[in-house]
Every structure is written in C-alpha cells, then in structure tokens.
Protein backbone atom coordinates (compact mmCIF):
# COMPACT_ATOMS: atom_id res chain seq x y z
CA UNK A 1 0.00 0.00 0.00
CA UNK A 2 2.81 2.42 0.91
CA UNK A 3 4.60 1.68 -2.35
CA UNK A 4 1.44 2.31 -4.38
CA UNK A 5 0.74 5.54 -2.49
CA UNK A 6 4.28 6.81 -3.13
CA UNK A 7 3.99 5.98 -6.82
CA UNK A 8 0.65 7.80 -7.10
CA UNK A 9 2.06 10.82 -5.25
CA UNK A 10 5.18 10.89 -7.48
CA UNK A 11 3.04 10.71 -10.60
CA UNK A 12 0.70 13.46 -9.38
CA UNK A 13 3.66 15.76 -8.58
CA UNK A 14 5.03 15.20 -12.10
CA UNK A 15 1.62 15.99 -13.54
CA UNK A 16 1.36 19.25 -11.55
CA UNK A 17 4.52 20.56 -13.18
CA UNK A 18 3.16 19.94 -16.68
CA UNK A 19 -0.54 20.62 -16.14
CA UNK A 20 -0.52 24.40 -16.07
CA UNK A 21 -1.95 24.86 -19.51
CA UNK A 22 -4.90 22.44 -19.24
CA UNK A 23 -7.57 25.08 -19.11
CA UNK A 24 -6.00 27.03 -21.95
CA UNK A 25 -6.44 23.94 -24.13
CA UNK A 26 -10.09 23.69 -23.31
CA UNK A 27 -10.85 27.34 -23.97
CA UNK A 28 -8.76 27.60 -27.15
CA UNK A 29 -9.70 24.34 -28.82
CA UNK A 30 -10.99 26.06 -31.94
CA UNK A 31 -7.69 27.89 -32.51
CA UNK A 32 -5.77 24.62 -32.00
CA UNK A 33 -7.93 22.94 -34.64
CA UNK A 34 -7.06 25.61 -37.19
CA UNK A 35 -3.37 25.45 -36.26
CA UNK A 36 -3.39 21.66 -36.60
CA UNK A 37 -4.91 21.94 -40.07
CA UNK A 38 -2.31 24.48 -41.19
CA UNK A 39 0.53 22.41 -39.72
CA UNK A 40 -0.84 19.31 -41.45
CA UNK A 41 -0.85 21.06 -44.83
CA UNK A 42 2.70 22.38 -44.33
CA UNK A 43 3.91 18.98 -43.19
CA UNK A 44 2.38 17.30 -46.24
CA UNK A 45 4.20 19.76 -48.55
CA UNK A 46 7.53 19.20 -46.79
CA UNK A 47 7.08 15.43 -47.00
CA UNK A 48 6.49 15.66 -50.77
CA UNK A 49 9.53 17.88 -51.29
CA UNK A 50 11.85 15.78 -49.16
CA UNK A 51 10.69 12.26 -49.96
CA UNK A 52 14.02 10.62 -49.10
CA UNK A 53 14.13 11.97 -45.53
CA UNK A 54 12.85 9.74 -42.73
CA UNK A 55 11.48 11.01 -39.42
CA UNK A 56 13.10 10.00 -36.19
CA UNK A 57 9.81 10.26 -34.31
CA UNK A 58 8.64 6.88 -35.70
CA UNK A 59 11.57 5.11 -34.05
CA UNK A 60 11.26 6.96 -30.78
CA UNK A 61 8.66 5.96 -28.21
CA UNK A 62 5.50 8.05 -28.14
CA UNK A 63 5.22 10.00 -24.84
CA UNK A 64 1.45 9.32 -24.74
CA UNK A 65 2.10 5.57 -24.82
CA UNK A 66 4.64 5.89 -22.03
CA UNK A 67 2.14 7.88 -20.02
CA UNK A 68 -0.50 5.22 -20.56
CA UNK A 69 1.92 2.47 -19.53
CA UNK A 70 2.71 4.40 -16.38
CA UNK A 71 -0.97 4.80 -15.50
CA UNK A 72 -1.60 1.13 -16.25
CA UNK A 73 1.18 0.11 -13.88
CA UNK A 74 -0.28 2.28 -11.11
CA UNK A 75 -3.75 0.81 -11.70
CA UNK A 76 -2.40 -2.74 -11.50
CA UNK A 77 -0.76 -1.99 -8.17
CA UNK A 78 -3.91 -0.34 -6.79
CA UNK A 79 -6.15 -3.19 -7.98
CA UNK A 80 -5.10 -5.41 -5.06
CA UNK A 81 -5.36 -2.65 -2.44
CA UNK A 82 -8.48 -2.84 -0.20
CA UNK A 83 -11.16 -0.24 -0.67
CA UNK A 84 -10.66 1.50 2.67
CA UNK A 85 -6.94 1.81 1.92
CA UNK A 86 -7.78 3.42 -1.42
CA UNK A 87 -9.96 5.92 0.40
CA UNK A 88 -7.08 6.77 2.74
CA UNK A 89 -4.71 7.27 -0.21
CA UNK A 90 -7.29 9.48 -1.92
CA UNK A 91 -7.68 11.58 1.23
CA UNK A 92 -3.91 11.98 1.59
CA UNK A 93 -3.27 13.02 -2.03
CA UNK A 94 -6.53 14.76 -2.83
CA UNK A 95 -9.30 13.72 -5.20
CA UNK A 96 -7.96 15.63 -8.20
CA UNK A 97 -4.43 14.19 -8.03
CA UNK A 98 -5.70 10.68 -7.32
CA UNK A 99 -8.11 10.70 -10.27
CA UNK A 100 -5.45 12.08 -12.58
CA UNK A 101 -2.96 9.40 -11.48
CA UNK A 102 -5.29 6.44 -12.09
CA UNK A 103 -6.36 7.80 -15.49
CA UNK A 104 -9.84 9.03 -14.66
CA UNK A 105 -11.44 11.17 -17.35
CA UNK A 106 -10.67 14.85 -16.88
CA UNK A 107 -13.19 17.68 -17.02
CA UNK A 108 -11.36 19.07 -20.07
CA UNK A 109 -12.62 16.15 -22.15
CA UNK A 110 -16.21 16.99 -21.23
CA UNK A 111 -15.74 20.61 -22.27
CA UNK A 112 -14.23 19.51 -25.58
CA UNK A 113 -17.20 17.20 -26.20
CA UNK A 114 -19.68 20.01 -25.51
CA UNK A 115 -17.87 22.43 -27.81
CA UNK A 116 -17.64 19.79 -30.52
CA UNK A 117 -21.37 19.02 -30.28
CA UNK A 118 -22.27 22.71 -30.51
CA UNK A 119 -19.96 23.19 -33.50
CA UNK A 120 -21.47 20.19 -35.26
CA UNK A 121 -25.00 21.45 -34.68
CA UNK A 122 -24.09 24.88 -36.07
CA UNK A 123 -22.45 23.31 -39.12
CA UNK A 124 -25.49 21.12 -39.79
CA UNK A 125 -27.87 24.07 -39.52
CA UNK A 126 -25.75 26.24 -41.84
CA UNK A 127 -25.17 23.47 -44.40
CA UNK A 128 -21.42 23.31 -43.93
CA UNK A 129 -19.40 20.14 -43.65
CA UNK A 130 -18.61 18.91 -40.18
CA UNK A 131 -15.01 19.22 -39.15
CA UNK A 132 -13.83 15.96 -37.62
CA UNK A 133 -10.29 17.13 -36.79
CA UNK A 134 -10.90 17.40 -33.06
CA UNK A 135 -10.55 14.20 -31.05
CA UNK A 136 -13.81 12.41 -30.27
CA UNK A 137 -14.04 11.11 -26.73
CA UNK A 138 -16.87 8.61 -27.18
CA UNK A 139 -18.53 6.61 -24.45
CA UNK A 140 -17.29 3.33 -25.93
CA UNK A 141 -13.66 4.45 -25.72
CA UNK A 142 -14.10 5.62 -22.17
CA UNK A 143 -15.77 2.33 -21.28
CA UNK A 144 -12.92 0.30 -22.83
CA UNK A 145 -10.26 2.35 -21.11
CA UNK A 146 -11.98 2.30 -17.74
CA UNK A 147 -9.53 1.16 -15.03
CA UNK A 148 -10.19 -2.22 -13.41
CA UNK A 149 -9.91 -1.04 -9.81
CA UNK A 150 -12.45 -1.42 -7.02
CA UNK A 151 -13.01 2.31 -6.52
CA UNK A 152 -13.44 2.99 -10.22
CA UNK A 153 -15.79 0.01 -10.62
CA UNK A 154 -18.01 1.40 -7.86
CA UNK A 155 -17.97 4.92 -9.30
CA UNK A 156 -18.60 3.56 -12.81
CA UNK A 157 -21.61 1.53 -11.63
CA UNK A 158 -22.99 4.54 -9.77
CA UNK A 159 -22.62 6.73 -12.88
CA UNK A 160 -24.32 4.18 -15.13
CA UNK A 161 -27.22 3.75 -12.69
CA UNK A 162 -27.61 7.52 -12.42
CA UNK A 163 -27.61 7.88 -16.21
CA UNK A 164 -30.31 5.24 -16.55
CA UNK A 165 -32.59 6.77 -13.92
CA UNK A 166 -32.11 10.39 -14.97
CA UNK A 167 -34.84 11.62 -17.28
CA UNK A 168 -34.02 15.30 -17.70
CA UNK A 169 -30.63 16.24 -19.11
CA UNK A 170 -28.96 19.18 -20.85
CA UNK A 171 -26.26 19.28 -23.48
CA UNK A 172 -24.78 22.32 -21.75
CA UNK A 173 -25.71 24.76 -19.04
CA UNK A 174 -26.95 27.28 -21.63
CA UNK A 175 -29.29 24.83 -23.32
CA UNK A 176 -32.75 23.92 -22.02
CA UNK A 177 -33.49 20.63 -20.29
CA UNK A 178 -34.79 17.94 -22.63
CA UNK A 179 -36.48 14.60 -22.09
CA UNK A 180 -36.85 11.73 -24.51
CA UNK A 181 -40.37 11.09 -25.75
CA UNK A 182 -39.60 7.42 -26.39
CA UNK A 183 -40.87 5.23 -23.58
CA UNK A 184 -40.69 1.43 -23.47
CA UNK A 185 -44.08 -0.20 -23.17
CA UNK A 186 -44.41 -2.46 -20.13
CA UNK A 187 -45.02 -6.13 -20.74
CA UNK A 188 -47.51 -6.48 -17.88
CA UNK A 189 -49.32 -3.18 -18.33
CA UNK A 190 -53.00 -2.54 -17.66
CA UNK A 191 -54.52 -2.34 -21.14
CA UNK A 192 -58.16 -1.97 -20.09
CA UNK A 193 -58.94 -0.18 -16.83
CA UNK A 194 -61.13 -2.35 -14.64
CA UNK A 195 -63.48 -0.91 -11.98
CA UNK A 196 -62.39 -1.19 -8.39
CA UNK A 197 -63.73 -4.34 -6.69
CA UNK A 198 -66.54 -3.64 -4.22
CA UNK A 199 -67.51 -5.91 -1.38
CA UNK A 200 -71.10 -7.16 -1.59
CA UNK A 201 -73.28 -8.52 1.19
CA UNK A 202 -75.92 -10.82 -0.31
CA UNK A 203 -78.25 -10.25 2.65
CA UNK A 204 -78.79 -6.59 1.73
CA UNK A 205 -78.33 -6.74 -2.03
CA UNK A 206 -81.26 -6.64 -4.42
CA UNK A 207 -79.44 -9.06 -6.75
CA UNK A 208 -80.06 -11.85 -4.24
CA UNK A 209 -83.82 -11.30 -4.32
CA UNK A 210 -86.35 -10.71 -1.54
CA UNK A 211 -86.09 -12.70 1.71
CA UNK A 212 -89.04 -14.97 2.32
CA UNK A 213 -88.91 -15.56 6.07
CA UNK A 214 -91.54 -18.30 6.10
CA UNK A 215 -89.68 -20.28 3.44
CA UNK A 216 -86.39 -19.67 5.27
CA UNK A 217 -87.79 -21.04 8.53
CA UNK A 218 -89.20 -24.12 6.86
CA UNK A 219 -85.96 -24.80 4.97
CA UNK A 220 -83.72 -24.51 8.07
CA UNK A 221 -86.11 -25.93 10.64
CA UNK A 222 -83.74 -28.86 11.29
CA UNK A 223 -81.19 -26.48 12.85
CA UNK A 224 -83.45 -25.87 15.86
CA UNK A 225 -83.53 -29.60 16.60
CA UNK A 226 -79.74 -29.84 16.36
CA UNK A 227 -79.37 -26.84 18.67
CA UNK A 228 -81.69 -28.43 21.21
CA UNK A 229 -79.62 -31.64 21.13
CA UNK A 230 -76.42 -29.62 21.67
CA UNK A 231 -77.99 -27.85 24.67
CA UNK A 232 -78.93 -31.20 26.24
CA UNK A 233 -75.37 -32.47 25.71
CA UNK A 234 -73.92 -29.33 27.32
CA UNK A 235 -76.17 -29.75 30.35
CA UNK A 236 -74.88 -33.30 30.85
CA UNK A 237 -71.24 -32.19 30.52
CA UNK A 238 -71.74 -29.33 32.99
CA UNK A 239 -73.26 -31.76 35.52
CA UNK A 240 -70.30 -34.17 35.20
CA UNK A 241 -67.62 -31.44 35.47
CA UNK A 242 -69.26 -29.52 38.31
CA UNK A 243 -66.98 -31.09 40.97
CA UNK A 244 -64.03 -32.23 38.81
CA UNK A 245 -63.36 -29.02 36.85
CA UNK A 246 -65.41 -26.04 38.09
CA UNK A 247 -63.80 -23.58 35.62
CA UNK A 248 -64.75 -25.70 32.63
CA UNK A 249 -68.24 -26.22 34.07
CA UNK A 250 -68.71 -22.44 34.39
CA UNK A 251 -67.58 -21.96 30.78
CA UNK A 252 -70.09 -24.58 29.60
CA UNK A 253 -72.86 -22.98 31.66
CA UNK A 254 -72.08 -19.59 30.10
CA UNK A 255 -72.25 -21.04 26.57
CA UNK A 256 -75.47 -22.86 27.50
CA UNK A 257 -77.05 -19.65 28.79
CA UNK A 258 -76.16 -17.83 25.54
CA UNK A 259 -77.75 -20.60 23.47
CA UNK A 260 -80.89 -20.58 25.65
CA UNK A 261 -81.30 -16.81 25.27
CA UNK A 262 -80.96 -17.11 21.48
CA UNK A 263 -83.54 -19.88 21.39
CA UNK A 264 -85.94 -17.83 23.55
CA UNK A 265 -85.52 -14.79 21.26
CA UNK A 266 -86.27 -16.94 18.21
CA UNK A 267 -89.34 -18.39 19.91
CA UNK A 268 -90.57 -14.90 20.83
CA UNK A 269 -90.09 -13.67 17.27
CA UNK A 270 -91.93 -16.69 15.91
CA UNK A 271 -94.80 -16.08 18.34
CA UNK A 272 -95.13 -12.43 17.23
CA UNK A 273 -95.16 -13.47 13.57
CA UNK A 274 -97.91 -15.95 14.36
CA UNK A 275 -99.96 -13.16 15.98
CA UNK A 276 -99.51 -10.96 12.90
CA UNK A 277 -100.53 -13.81 10.64
CA UNK A 278 -103.67 -14.48 12.69
CA UNK A 279 -104.61 -10.78 12.70
CA UNK A 280 -104.17 -10.53 8.92
CA UNK A 281 -106.56 -13.43 8.40
CA UNK A 282 -109.15 -11.82 10.67
CA UNK A 283 -108.80 -8.45 8.92
CA UNK A 284 -109.08 -10.01 5.47
CA UNK A 285 -112.38 -11.63 6.52
CA UNK A 286 -113.60 -8.28 7.87
CA UNK A 287 -112.67 -6.48 4.64
CA UNK A 288 -114.67 -9.07 2.71
CA UNK A 289 -117.67 -8.17 4.88
CA UNK A 290 -117.24 -4.48 3.97
CA UNK A 291 -115.35 -3.21 7.04
CA UNK A 292 -112.28 -0.97 6.95
CA UNK A 293 -108.93 -2.69 7.60
CA UNK A 294 -107.10 -2.09 10.87
CA UNK A 295 -103.32 -2.32 10.99
CA UNK A 296 -101.67 -3.35 14.22
CA UNK A 297 -98.95 -1.24 15.79
CA UNK A 298 -96.15 -2.32 18.11
CA UNK A 299 -98.15 -1.48 21.21
CA UNK A 300 -101.17 -3.43 19.95
CA UNK A 301 -99.00 -6.47 19.36
CA UNK A 302 -97.70 -6.27 22.93
CA UNK A 303 -101.24 -6.12 24.30
CA UNK A 304 -102.29 -9.10 22.20
CA UNK A 305 -99.30 -11.05 23.43
CA UNK A 306 -100.08 -10.32 27.09
CA UNK A 307 -103.76 -11.23 26.61
CA UNK A 308 -102.86 -14.50 24.93
CA UNK A 309 -100.39 -15.35 27.68
CA UNK A 310 -103.01 -14.58 30.34
CA UNK A 311 -105.51 -16.89 28.66
CA UNK A 312 -102.97 -19.71 28.66
CA UNK A 313 -102.08 -19.27 32.34
CA UNK A 314 -105.65 -18.69 33.54
CA UNK A 315 -106.23 -22.29 34.62
CA UNK A 316 -102.65 -22.99 35.82
CA UNK A 317 -100.93 -22.20 39.16
CA UNK A 318 -98.34 -20.07 37.31
CA UNK A 319 -100.85 -17.24 36.86
CA UNK A 320 -100.18 -15.72 40.29
CA UNK A 321 -96.44 -15.76 39.71
CA UNK A 322 -96.86 -14.13 36.31
CA UNK A 323 -99.14 -11.41 37.70
CA UNK A 324 -96.74 -10.69 40.59
CA UNK A 325 -93.84 -10.28 38.20
CA UNK A 326 -95.93 -8.03 36.01
CA UNK A 327 -96.96 -5.93 39.01
CA UNK A 328 -93.36 -5.41 40.12
CA UNK A 329 -92.31 -4.36 36.66
CA UNK A 330 -95.09 -1.78 36.41
CA UNK A 331 -94.28 -0.47 39.89
CA UNK A 332 -90.65 0.04 38.88
CA UNK A 333 -91.73 2.01 35.81
CA UNK A 334 -94.09 4.18 37.90
CA UNK A 335 -91.37 4.80 40.47
CA UNK A 336 -88.96 5.86 37.74
CA UNK A 337 -91.44 8.38 36.33
CA UNK A 338 -92.38 9.82 39.74
CA UNK A 339 -90.55 13.12 40.54
CA UNK A 340 -88.33 13.21 43.62
CA UNK A 341 -89.22 15.38 46.60
CA UNK A 342 -87.31 18.62 46.64
CA UNK A 343 -85.37 19.59 49.72
CA UNK A 344 -86.53 22.61 51.67
CA UNK A 345 -84.17 25.54 51.29
C-alpha cells in the first residue's frame, strides 16, 4: 500500500509541473484545430519535397504511450489494495491528483465534447461540412479504457445507474433541459382499466332477491332440533364437570345460557309473527264483509301477546307468579317516572 501511495504521489507531482496549460487547451480548442490543419498542410508539402528523408519520431517511443503504460502500472498496483486503503490514499493526495494518477477522465474532455457538439450542430444548420479534426471522446472508448480497480468500478456503476434513472438532461448549461419522448411499453401493463372491486353482502343486495322468512324457517327448521340436542349435551357435561373441573363447568354454563337466550328470542319472534298472521286473516275476513282494515302497531301487538299469555295461564298455578312479576315491573316504571321530593331551602 505504501509503495502504491508513493507511486501515485510521485506521478501526481510530475503531472502538476506539466498541467498548467490544461484550461488554456479547453478554452482555445478552436484555434488549435485551425493550427493543426495548417501544420498538417505544411507537413504534407515538406514530406512531398523531401521524400528521401525519414522522421526519427517513428523510431522513438510516443510519450502518450509511455504515459499510458505508467498509469496502467499504477492501476495494476492499486487493484489489489483494499477499498478502505484506497480511500485513505485518496484523502492523503486529494481527489484531483488521485483521479489524474489512475487515469480518470478529466473535465477538459467533457468541455471539448460540448464544444464539438455545438460546432457540429451549427455546421449542420448552416449546411457546412462537419469538421472531424478534433478528437472524439466517445462513451465506448471511455468504457474500454476504464480502469479495473475497485473504486473505479463502484464509481462507474454509480454513474451508469444515475444515467439510466435520470430523465431530464442538458447538453450544456446554456441549453434547455430535454427529455426523450420514447418510452418502453411495459409487458404487464393494464390495457383496459377495470373498476375497483366492491364488497357485496348478499343479505342486503337486491341481486339476491327478496327474503321470504316463512320459506327460510321451513328450509332450516332442522337447525333448531340440532341446537336443542347440543344444549342437552352441554347440560350433561356441565353436571359431570361440576366437581371435577369447576372452571370448565362455568364456561359450559355460560355457553349454554347464551344458546338458551338465542332460542328464547327466536321463539318470541316466531310467536309475534304468528300473531300478525292471525290478525291478517281476521282483517281479510272483515274487509270481505265491507269493514275498513285495521293495521296493528307495536303497542297493539304487545297487548295481544299479554292477553294470549293470560288466557294460557288462567287455569294454571303459574298465573299468580306471572301477575306478581308483572306488578313489580309496572311499579318500577311508575317509580322511575315519579318526581323526587325537593329539599326545603
């Protein structure tokens, strides 16, 4: 790690001494293009005039190749360095020197690309031929020359993910933001919008038809017999577990009481329906005789129920008990309605 850090630092110090004119290149790229064209023409004339002369630059090593070899050697040494060590080296040298040493693409290339794109667009609009003399830093070249180090792999993946997710982009800061109108069509897209599903209760929905209570009672009359058998079985179990397991016996008694109350409510409802049915028959006979119909209210049904119950208990010893209970209930109602005596002030 120390050896690699020293090599990176040495390379960055050498670069600082020769990197003073980097910005001038970016801002004077157009002048350099014209100078390169003029130099190319002059060189071609000299080569025609002196055809027997040979250049020594072909035999000598290109400084750009040497520079690339140097960067490649540094990248190979840094490839085996752990990521946290690379971060330490980058903090010691600085981000700019570190990126320059490992061969990361400089900002000057981006400026050259922007200027080249603008120049091409102007040439296309004016009908002139496009000048291809400036170097073209394409994405494929940058991808091929990307260093195989851990830090650069991470940064490269982050850049590619950001490019894929970014929708708005600008060619330069002076140009407006643009977005591509081409969108890939999803394979599992919703072609036809379906209405939202709604929960439906068949008991209160007109699609299920009108409830015929008489037919319902006749169809499910067997359930009352099964419920009565279950109640008898629970009574037997509660009697057996009364001394062995009192907690379980109390639980069974509670369930038995709930079932008895439900059965009593059903019996009461059935009795009231029978009273209504009997009254309808009597009223239909009266209407046939020319009388006006009379419709029972809730209070009238209660009175009919009490009268029918009294007629049943008239010849039995339970009549006194029933009347006593009725008397107590009425007394409680009267006591509740009676105003309290005010205290003397």
